[in-house]
PDB file of N, CA and C in Angstrom:
ATOM      1  N   MET A   1     -50.498  13.494 218.735  1.00  0.00           N
ATOM      2  CA  MET A   1     -50.418  14.392 217.605  1.00  0.00           C
ATOM      3  C   MET A   1     -49.896  15.734 218.105  1.00  0.00           C
ATOM      4  N   GLY A   2     -48.925  16.294 217.390  1.00  0.00           N
ATOM      5  CA  GLY A   2     -48.315  17.558 217.776  1.00  0.00           C
ATOM      6  C   GLY A   2     -49.036  18.765 217.189  1.00  0.00           C
ATOM      7  N   MET A   3     -48.582  19.926 217.608  1.00  0.00           N
ATOM      8  CA  MET A   3     -49.207  21.179 217.190  1.00  0.00           C
ATOM      9  C   MET A   3     -49.152  21.362 215.680  1.00  0.00           C
ATOM     10  N   ARG A   4     -48.038  20.976 215.055  1.00  0.00           N
ATOM     11  CA  ARG A   4     -47.924  21.094 213.595  1.00  0.00           C
ATOM     12  C   ARG A   4     -48.979  20.248 212.890  1.00  0.00           C
ATOM     13  N   HIS A   5     -49.218  19.052 213.426  1.00  0.00           N
ATOM     14  CA  HIS A   5     -50.215  18.174 212.827  1.00  0.00           C
ATOM     15  C   HIS A   5     -51.610  18.792 212.925  1.00  0.00           C
ATOM     16  N   TYR A   6     -51.902  19.410 214.057  1.00  0.00           N
ATOM     17  CA  TYR A   6     -53.208  20.072 214.204  1.00  0.00           C
ATOM     18  C   TYR A   6     -53.336  21.213 213.199  1.00  0.00           C
ATOM     19  N   GLY A   7     -52.278  21.978 213.026  1.00  0.00           N
ATOM     20  CA  GLY A   7     -52.302  23.057 212.048  1.00  0.00           C
ATOM     21  C   GLY A   7     -52.568  22.546 210.638  1.00  0.00           C
ATOM     22  N   CYS A   8     -51.912  21.439 210.289  1.00  0.00           N
ATOM     23  CA  CYS A   8     -52.121  20.835 208.966  1.00  0.00           C
ATOM     24  C   CYS A   8     -53.545  20.317 208.804  1.00  0.00           C
ATOM     25  N   MET A   9     -54.066  19.675 209.843  1.00  0.00           N
ATOM     26  CA  MET A   9     -55.426  19.146 209.781  1.00  0.00           C
ATOM     27  C   MET A   9     -56.449  20.273 209.638  1.00  0.00           C
ATOM     28  N   VAL A  10     -56.249  21.344 210.380  1.00  0.00           N
ATOM     29  CA  VAL A  10     -57.153  22.493 210.280  1.00  0.00           C
ATOM     30  C   VAL A  10     -57.126  23.053 208.866  1.00  0.00           C
ATOM     31  N   ASP A  11     -55.933  23.192 208.306  1.00  0.00           N
ATOM     32  CA  ASP A  11     -55.788  23.714 206.955  1.00  0.00           C
ATOM     33  C   ASP A  11     -56.454  22.788 205.934  1.00  0.00           C
ATOM     34  N   LEU A  12     -56.213  21.488 206.042  1.00  0.00           N
ATOM     35  CA  LEU A  12     -56.796  20.531 205.098  1.00  0.00           C
ATOM     36  C   LEU A  12     -58.320  20.506 205.183  1.00  0.00           C
ATOM     37  N   LEU A  13     -58.846  20.463 206.404  1.00  0.00           N
ATOM     38  CA  LEU A  13     -60.301  20.465 206.566  1.00  0.00           C
ATOM     39  C   LEU A  13     -60.902  21.748 206.012  1.00  0.00           C
ATOM     40  N   GLY A  14     -60.280  22.859 206.313  1.00  0.00           N
ATOM     41  CA  GLY A  14     -60.792  24.140 205.841  1.00  0.00           C
ATOM     42  C   GLY A  14     -60.787  24.255 204.334  1.00  0.00           C
ATOM     43  N   ARG A  15     -59.718  23.817 203.704  1.00  0.00           N
ATOM     44  CA  ARG A  15     -59.637  23.900 202.244  1.00  0.00           C
ATOM     45  C   ARG A  15     -60.638  22.965 201.576  1.00  0.00           C
ATOM     46  N   ALA A  16     -61.102  21.962 202.320  1.00  0.00           N
ATOM     47  CA  ALA A  16     -62.116  21.031 201.805  1.00  0.00           C
ATOM     48  C   ALA A  16     -63.527  21.514 202.158  1.00  0.00           C
ATOM     49  N   TRP A  17     -63.664  22.794 202.489  1.00  0.00           N
ATOM     50  CA  TRP A  17     -64.945  23.411 202.847  1.00  0.00           C
ATOM     51  C   TRP A  17     -65.558  22.811 204.110  1.00  0.00           C
ATOM     52  N   ARG A  18     -64.742  22.271 204.990  1.00  0.00           N
ATOM     53  CA  ARG A  18     -65.237  21.670 206.234  1.00  0.00           C
ATOM     54  C   ARG A  18     -64.780  22.529 207.411  1.00  0.00           C
ATOM     55  N   LEU A  19     -65.134  23.820 207.358  1.00  0.00           N
ATOM     56  CA  LEU A  19     -64.692  24.787 208.350  1.00  0.00           C
ATOM     57  C   LEU A  19     -65.220  24.469 209.745  1.00  0.00           C
ATOM     58  N   LYS A  20     -66.464  24.017 209.831  1.00  0.00           N
ATOM     59  CA  LYS A  20     -67.024  23.690 211.149  1.00  0.00           C
ATOM     60  C   LYS A  20     -66.258  22.544 211.793  1.00  0.00           C
ATOM     61  N   GLU A  21     -65.890  21.551 211.001  1.00  0.00           N
ATOM     62  CA  GLU A  21     -65.110  20.429 211.529  1.00  0.00           C
ATOM     63  C   GLU A  21     -63.733  20.897 211.984  1.00  0.00           C
ATOM     64  N   ALA A  22     -63.132  21.801 211.218  1.00  0.00           N
ATOM     65  CA  ALA A  22     -61.821  22.337 211.589  1.00  0.00           C
ATOM     66  C   ALA A  22     -61.922  23.105 212.905  1.00  0.00           C
ATOM     67  N   TYR A  23     -62.969  23.904 213.054  1.00  0.00           N
ATOM     68  CA  TYR A  23     -63.174  24.676 214.275  1.00  0.00           C
ATOM     69  C   TYR A  23     -63.397  23.742 215.476  1.00  0.00           C
ATOM     70  N   GLU A  24     -64.183  22.705 215.274  1.00  0.00           N
ATOM     71  CA  GLU A  24     -64.427  21.732 216.350  1.00  0.00           C
ATOM     72  C   GLU A  24     -63.141  21.016 216.739  1.00  0.00           C
ATOM     73  N   LEU A  25     -62.295  20.722 215.761  1.00  0.00           N
ATOM     74  CA  LEU A  25     -61.007  20.083 216.048  1.00  0.00           C
ATOM     75  C   LEU A  25     -60.172  20.985 216.950  1.00  0.00           C
ATOM     76  N   ILE A  26     -60.153  22.280 216.651  1.00  0.00           N
ATOM     77  CA  ILE A  26     -59.403  23.228 217.477  1.00  0.00           C
ATOM     78  C   ILE A  26     -59.948  23.236 218.902  1.00  0.00           C
ATOM     79  N   LYS A  27     -61.263  23.239 219.029  1.00  0.00           N
ATOM     80  CA  LYS A  27     -61.870  23.268 220.366  1.00  0.00           C
ATOM     81  C   LYS A  27     -61.587  21.995 221.158  1.00  0.00           C
ATOM     82  N   ARG A  28     -61.415  20.863 220.459  1.00  0.00           N
ATOM     83  CA  ARG A  28     -61.184  19.577 221.128  1.00  0.00           C
ATOM     84  C   ARG A  28     -59.710  19.257 221.352  1.00  0.00           C
ATOM     85  N   MET A  29     -58.826  20.127 220.891  1.00  0.00           N
ATOM     86  CA  MET A  29     -57.398  19.856 221.046  1.00  0.00           C
ATOM     87  C   MET A  29     -57.046  19.673 222.522  1.00  0.00           C
ATOM     88  N   PRO A  30     -56.164  18.721 222.837  1.00  0.00           N
ATOM     89  CA  PRO A  30     -55.790  18.504 224.241  1.00  0.00           C
ATOM     90  C   PRO A  30     -54.883  19.601 224.797  1.00  0.00           C
ATOM     91  N   MET A  31     -54.353  20.443 223.903  1.00  0.00           N
ATOM     92  CA  MET A  31     -53.526  21.564 224.339  1.00  0.00           C
ATOM     93  C   MET A  31     -54.121  22.847 223.782  1.00  0.00           C
ATOM     94  N   LYS A  32     -53.641  23.962 224.298  1.00  0.00           N
ATOM     95  CA  LYS A  32     -54.128  25.258 223.856  1.00  0.00           C
ATOM     96  C   LYS A  32     -53.621  25.527 222.434  1.00  0.00           C
ATOM     97  N   PRO A  33     -54.504  25.923 221.500  1.00  0.00           N
ATOM     98  CA  PRO A  33     -54.047  26.175 220.136  1.00  0.00           C
ATOM     99  C   PRO A  33     -53.081  27.354 220.089  1.00  0.00           C
ATOM    100  N   ASN A  34     -52.062  27.207 219.267  1.00  0.00           N
ATOM    101  CA  ASN A  34     -51.074  28.279 219.150  1.00  0.00           C
ATOM    102  C   ASN A  34     -51.361  29.139 217.926  1.00  0.00           C
ATOM    103  N   GLU A  35     -50.455  30.058 217.667  1.00  0.00           N
ATOM    104  CA  GLU A  35     -50.602  31.001 216.552  1.00  0.00           C
ATOM    105  C   GLU A  35     -50.695  30.284 215.214  1.00  0.00           C
ATOM    106  N   THR A  36     -49.985  29.195 215.061  1.00  0.00           N
ATOM    107  CA  THR A  36     -49.985  28.447 213.797  1.00  0.00           C
ATOM    108  C   THR A  36     -51.354  27.850 213.509  1.00  0.00           C
ATOM    109  N   VAL A  37     -51.931  27.211 214.501  1.00  0.00           N
ATOM    110  CA  VAL A  37     -53.235  26.562 214.334  1.00  0.00           C
ATOM    111  C   VAL A  37     -54.317  27.608 214.088  1.00  0.00           C
ATOM    112  N   LEU A  38     -54.335  28.649 214.900  1.00  0.00           N
ATOM    113  CA  LEU A  38     -55.353  29.690 214.745  1.00  0.00           C
ATOM    114  C   LEU A  38     -55.148  30.461 213.443  1.00  0.00           C
ATOM    115  N   GLY A  39     -53.895  30.669 213.061  1.00  0.00           N
ATOM    116  CA  GLY A  39     -53.606  31.328 211.791  1.00  0.00           C
ATOM    117  C   GLY A  39     -54.084  30.508 210.602  1.00  0.00           C
ATOM    118  N   ALA A  40     -53.929  29.185 210.682  1.00  0.00           N
ATOM    119  CA  ALA A  40     -54.417  28.304 209.617  1.00  0.00           C
ATOM    120  C   ALA A  40     -55.937  28.429 209.499  1.00  0.00           C
ATOM    121  N   MET A  41     -56.606  28.494 210.640  1.00  0.00           N
ATOM    122  CA  MET A  41     -58.064  28.607 210.625  1.00  0.00           C
ATOM    123  C   MET A  41     -58.509  29.941 210.040  1.00  0.00           C
ATOM    124  N   ILE A  42     -57.855  31.012 210.433  1.00  0.00           N
ATOM    125  CA  ILE A  42     -58.199  32.328 209.883  1.00  0.00           C
ATOM    126  C   ILE A  42     -57.903  32.361 208.381  1.00  0.00           C
ATOM    127  N   GLY A  43     -56.823  31.703 207.987  1.00  0.00           N
ATOM    128  CA  GLY A  43     -56.468  31.645 206.566  1.00  0.00           C
ATOM    129  C   GLY A  43     -57.540  30.977 205.727  1.00  0.00           C
ATOM    130  N   VAL A  44     -58.086  29.870 206.198  1.00  0.00           N
ATOM    131  CA  VAL A  44     -59.137  29.204 205.416  1.00  0.00           C
ATOM    132  C   VAL A  44     -60.440  29.993 205.472  1.00  0.00           C
ATOM    133  N   CYS A  45     -60.659  30.729 206.548  1.00  0.00           N
ATOM    134  CA  CYS A  45     -61.829  31.619 206.586  1.00  0.00           C
ATOM    135  C   CYS A  45     -61.697  32.681 205.499  1.00  0.00           C
ATOM    136  N   TRP A  46     -60.482  33.175 205.303  1.00  0.00           N
ATOM    137  CA  TRP A  46     -60.234  34.171 204.260  1.00  0.00           C
ATOM    138  C   TRP A  46     -60.441  33.563 202.878  1.00  0.00           C
ATOM    139  N   ILE A  47     -59.934  32.352 202.664  1.00  0.00           N
ATOM    140  CA  ILE A  47     -60.080  31.685 201.371  1.00  0.00           C
ATOM    141  C   ILE A  47     -61.556  31.569 200.990  1.00  0.00           C
ATOM    142  N   HIS A  48     -62.402  31.250 201.981  1.00  0.00           N
ATOM    143  CA  HIS A  48     -63.823  31.027 201.718  1.00  0.00           C
ATOM    144  C   HIS A  48     -64.688  32.243 202.069  1.00  0.00           C
ATOM    145  N   SER A  49     -64.062  33.363 202.418  1.00  0.00           N
ATOM    146  CA  SER A  49     -64.768  34.600 202.799  1.00  0.00           C
ATOM    147  C   SER A  49     -65.843  34.336 203.850  1.00  0.00           C
ATOM    148  N   ASP A  50     -65.492  33.532 204.851  1.00  0.00           N
ATOM    149  CA  ASP A  50     -66.435  33.186 205.923  1.00  0.00           C
ATOM    150  C   ASP A  50     -66.172  34.086 207.133  1.00  0.00           C
ATOM    151  N   MET A  51     -66.810  35.245 207.121  1.00  0.00           N
ATOM    152  CA  MET A  51     -66.589  36.223 208.173  1.00  0.00           C
ATOM    153  C   MET A  51     -67.157  35.748 209.518  1.00  0.00           C
ATOM    154  N   LYS A  52     -68.259  35.024 209.478  1.00  0.00           N
ATOM    155  CA  LYS A  52     -68.874  34.530 210.714  1.00  0.00           C
ATOM    156  C   LYS A  52     -67.917  33.602 211.471  1.00  0.00           C
ATOM    157  N   MET A  53     -67.328  32.665 210.763  1.00  0.00           N
ATOM    158  CA  MET A  53     -66.395  31.733 211.396  1.00  0.00           C
ATOM    159  C   MET A  53     -65.135  32.466 211.850  1.00  0.00           C
ATOM    160  N   ALA A  54     -64.667  33.416 211.050  1.00  0.00           N
ATOM    161  CA  ALA A  54     -63.468  34.188 211.406  1.00  0.00           C
ATOM    162  C   ALA A  54     -63.700  34.934 212.717  1.00  0.00           C
ATOM    163  N   LYS A  55     -64.898  35.468 212.906  1.00  0.00           N
ATOM    164  CA  LYS A  55     -65.205  36.174 214.151  1.00  0.00           C
ATOM    165  C   LYS A  55     -65.166  35.220 215.341  1.00  0.00           C
ATOM    166  N   GLN A  56     -65.628  33.983 215.146  1.00  0.00           N
ATOM    167  CA  GLN A  56     -65.566  32.987 216.226  1.00  0.00           C
ATOM    168  C   GLN A  56     -64.114  32.683 216.586  1.00  0.00           C
ATOM    169  N   VAL A  57     -63.271  32.570 215.575  1.00  0.00           N
ATOM    170  CA  VAL A  57     -61.852  32.290 215.823  1.00  0.00           C
ATOM    171  C   VAL A  57     -61.217  33.475 216.539  1.00  0.00           C
ATOM    172  N   PHE A  58     -61.583  34.697 216.138  1.00  0.00           N
ATOM    173  CA  PHE A  58     -61.035  35.875 216.797  1.00  0.00           C
ATOM    174  C   PHE A  58     -61.479  35.971 218.249  1.00  0.00           C
ATOM    175  N   LYS A  59     -62.668  35.484 218.560  1.00  0.00           N
ATOM    176  CA  LYS A  59     -63.094  35.432 219.964  1.00  0.00           C
ATOM    177  C   LYS A  59     -62.184  34.489 220.736  1.00  0.00           C
ATOM    178  N   MET A  60     -61.829  33.385 220.101  1.00  0.00           N
ATOM    179  CA  MET A  60     -60.924  32.425 220.713  1.00  0.00           C
ATOM    180  C   MET A  60     -59.543  33.061 220.923  1.00  0.00           C
ATOM    181  N   ILE A  61     -59.089  33.824 219.936  1.00  0.00           N
ATOM    182  CA  ILE A  61     -57.804  34.505 220.045  1.00  0.00           C
ATOM    183  C   ILE A  61     -57.876  35.584 221.102  1.00  0.00           C
ATOM    184  N   GLY A  62     -59.004  36.286 221.157  1.00  0.00           N
ATOM    185  CA  GLY A  62     -59.185  37.373 222.111  1.00  0.00           C
ATOM    186  C   GLY A  62     -59.009  36.942 223.552  1.00  0.00           C
ATOM    187  N   ALA A  63     -59.270  35.683 223.830  1.00  0.00           N
ATOM    188  CA  ALA A  63     -59.082  35.155 225.182  1.00  0.00           C
ATOM    189  C   ALA A  63     -57.614  35.187 225.572  1.00  0.00           C
ATOM    190  N   ASP A  64     -56.726  35.173 224.584  1.00  0.00           N
ATOM    191  CA  ASP A  64     -55.285  35.236 224.815  1.00  0.00           C
ATOM    192  C   ASP A  64     -54.692  36.215 223.820  1.00  0.00           C
ATOM    193  N   SER A  65     -54.684  37.489 224.169  1.00  0.00           N
ATOM    194  CA  SER A  65     -54.240  38.519 223.234  1.00  0.00           C
ATOM    195  C   SER A  65     -52.776  38.356 222.826  1.00  0.00           C
ATOM    196  N   ALA A  66     -51.977  37.639 223.603  1.00  0.00           N
ATOM    197  CA  ALA A  66     -50.579  37.403 223.238  1.00  0.00           C
ATOM    198  C   ALA A  66     -50.494  36.521 221.991  1.00  0.00           C
ATOM    199  N   THR A  67     -51.517  35.709 221.738  1.00  0.00           N
ATOM    200  CA  THR A  67     -51.541  34.823 220.578  1.00  0.00           C
ATOM    201  C   THR A  67     -51.845  35.582 219.299  1.00  0.00           C
ATOM    202  N   CYS A  68     -52.521  36.699 219.421  1.00  0.00           N
ATOM    203  CA  CYS A  68     -52.965  37.452 218.252  1.00  0.00           C
ATOM    204  C   CYS A  68     -51.787  38.164 217.593  1.00  0.00           C
ATOM    205  N   ALA A  69     -51.458  37.749 216.410  1.00  0.00           N
ATOM    206  CA  ALA A  69     -50.356  38.358 215.659  1.00  0.00           C
ATOM    207  C   ALA A  69     -50.911  39.412 214.712  1.00  0.00           C
ATOM    208  N   ASN A  70     -50.052  40.312 214.290  1.00  0.00           N
ATOM    209  CA  ASN A  70     -50.469  41.333 213.328  1.00  0.00           C
ATOM    210  C   ASN A  70     -50.987  40.710 212.046  1.00  0.00           C
ATOM    211  N   SER A  71     -50.406  39.577 211.637  1.00  0.00           N
ATOM    212  CA  SER A  71     -50.855  38.923 210.407  1.00  0.00           C
ATOM    213  C   SER A  71     -52.307  38.472 210.520  1.00  0.00           C
ATOM    214  N   HIS A  72     -52.745  38.088 211.724  1.00  0.00           N
ATOM    215  CA  HIS A  72     -54.141  37.702 211.925  1.00  0.00           C
ATOM    216  C   HIS A  72     -55.054  38.901 211.708  1.00  0.00           C
ATOM    217  N   ASN A  73     -54.622  40.064 212.183  1.00  0.00           N
ATOM    218  CA  ASN A  73     -55.421  41.271 211.991  1.00  0.00           C
ATOM    219  C   ASN A  73     -55.512  41.641 210.513  1.00  0.00           C
ATOM    220  N   VAL A  74     -54.429  41.458 209.789  1.00  0.00           N
ATOM    221  CA  VAL A  74     -54.435  41.736 208.356  1.00  0.00           C
ATOM    222  C   VAL A  74     -55.391  40.786 207.649  1.00  0.00           C
ATOM    223  N   LEU A  75     -55.350  39.499 208.004  1.00  0.00           N
ATOM    224  CA  LEU A  75     -56.265  38.539 207.389  1.00  0.00           C
ATOM    225  C   LEU A  75     -57.720  38.887 207.686  1.00  0.00           C
ATOM    226  N   MET A  76     -57.998  39.309 208.917  1.00  0.00           N
ATOM    227  CA  MET A  76     -59.371  39.684 209.263  1.00  0.00           C
ATOM    228  C   MET A  76     -59.801  40.891 208.438  1.00  0.00           C
ATOM    229  N   SER A  77     -58.908  41.825 208.240  1.00  0.00           N
ATOM    230  CA  SER A  77     -59.205  42.985 207.401  1.00  0.00           C
ATOM    231  C   SER A  77     -59.502  42.540 205.969  1.00  0.00           C
ATOM    232  N   ASN A  78     -58.728  41.592 205.461  1.00  0.00           N
ATOM    233  CA  ASN A  78     -58.952  41.065 204.109  1.00  0.00           C
ATOM    234  C   ASN A  78     -60.286  40.336 203.992  1.00  0.00           C
ATOM    235  N   ILE A  79     -60.676  39.624 205.049  1.00  0.00           N
ATOM    236  CA  ILE A  79     -61.966  38.926 205.052  1.00  0.00           C
ATOM    237  C   ILE A  79     -63.093  39.952 204.973  1.00  0.00           C
ATOM    238  N   HIS A  80     -62.989  41.013 205.750  1.00  0.00           N
ATOM    239  CA  HIS A  80     -63.997  42.074 205.695  1.00  0.00           C
ATOM    240  C   HIS A  80     -64.059  42.687 204.306  1.00  0.00           C
ATOM    241  N   ALA A  81     -62.910  42.959 203.714  1.00  0.00           N
ATOM    242  CA  ALA A  81     -62.871  43.561 202.382  1.00  0.00           C
ATOM    243  C   ALA A  81     -63.480  42.627 201.338  1.00  0.00           C
ATOM    244  N   ALA A  82     -63.151  41.333 201.407  1.00  0.00           N
ATOM    245  CA  ALA A  82     -63.695  40.363 200.448  1.00  0.00           C
ATOM    246  C   ALA A  82     -65.210  40.237 200.581  1.00  0.00           C
ATOM    247  N   SER A  83     -65.707  40.435 201.798  1.00  0.00           N
ATOM    248  CA  SER A  83     -67.154  40.353 202.047  1.00  0.00           C
ATOM    249  C   SER A  83     -67.844  41.698 201.834  1.00  0.00           C
ATOM    250  N   GLU A  84     -67.047  42.697 201.407  1.00  0.00           N
ATOM    251  CA  GLU A  84     -67.531  44.057 201.211  1.00  0.00           C
ATOM    252  C   GLU A  84     -68.178  44.619 202.472  1.00  0.00           C
ATOM    253  N   LYS A  85     -67.572  44.308 203.615  1.00  0.00           N
ATOM    254  CA  LYS A  85     -68.023  44.801 204.928  1.00  0.00           C
ATOM    255  C   LYS A  85     -67.013  45.817 205.406  1.00  0.00           C
ATOM    256  N   TRP A  86     -66.988  46.967 204.784  1.00  0.00           N
ATOM    257  CA  TRP A  86     -66.022  48.000 205.129  1.00  0.00           C
ATOM    258  C   TRP A  86     -66.426  48.648 206.412  1.00  0.00           C
TER     259      TRP A  86
END
């Protein structure tokens, strides 16, 4: 399974309210998750306003700051705003 497939699976699981399963899939990937996969995970965290899970994903991104895109920071800001955590 390629990186695109992992991104799609993460998105599908997340949209089905199965965020923990999506996160576990990312952790079990045989390769390092890229911006697409992590972005999909942050996106579903935003959809469901799950700040706790988003913080876990950001810790994963923090291990490789080159992976962290500006769009991820914007999504994290939106998650905080949706959760009224200014």
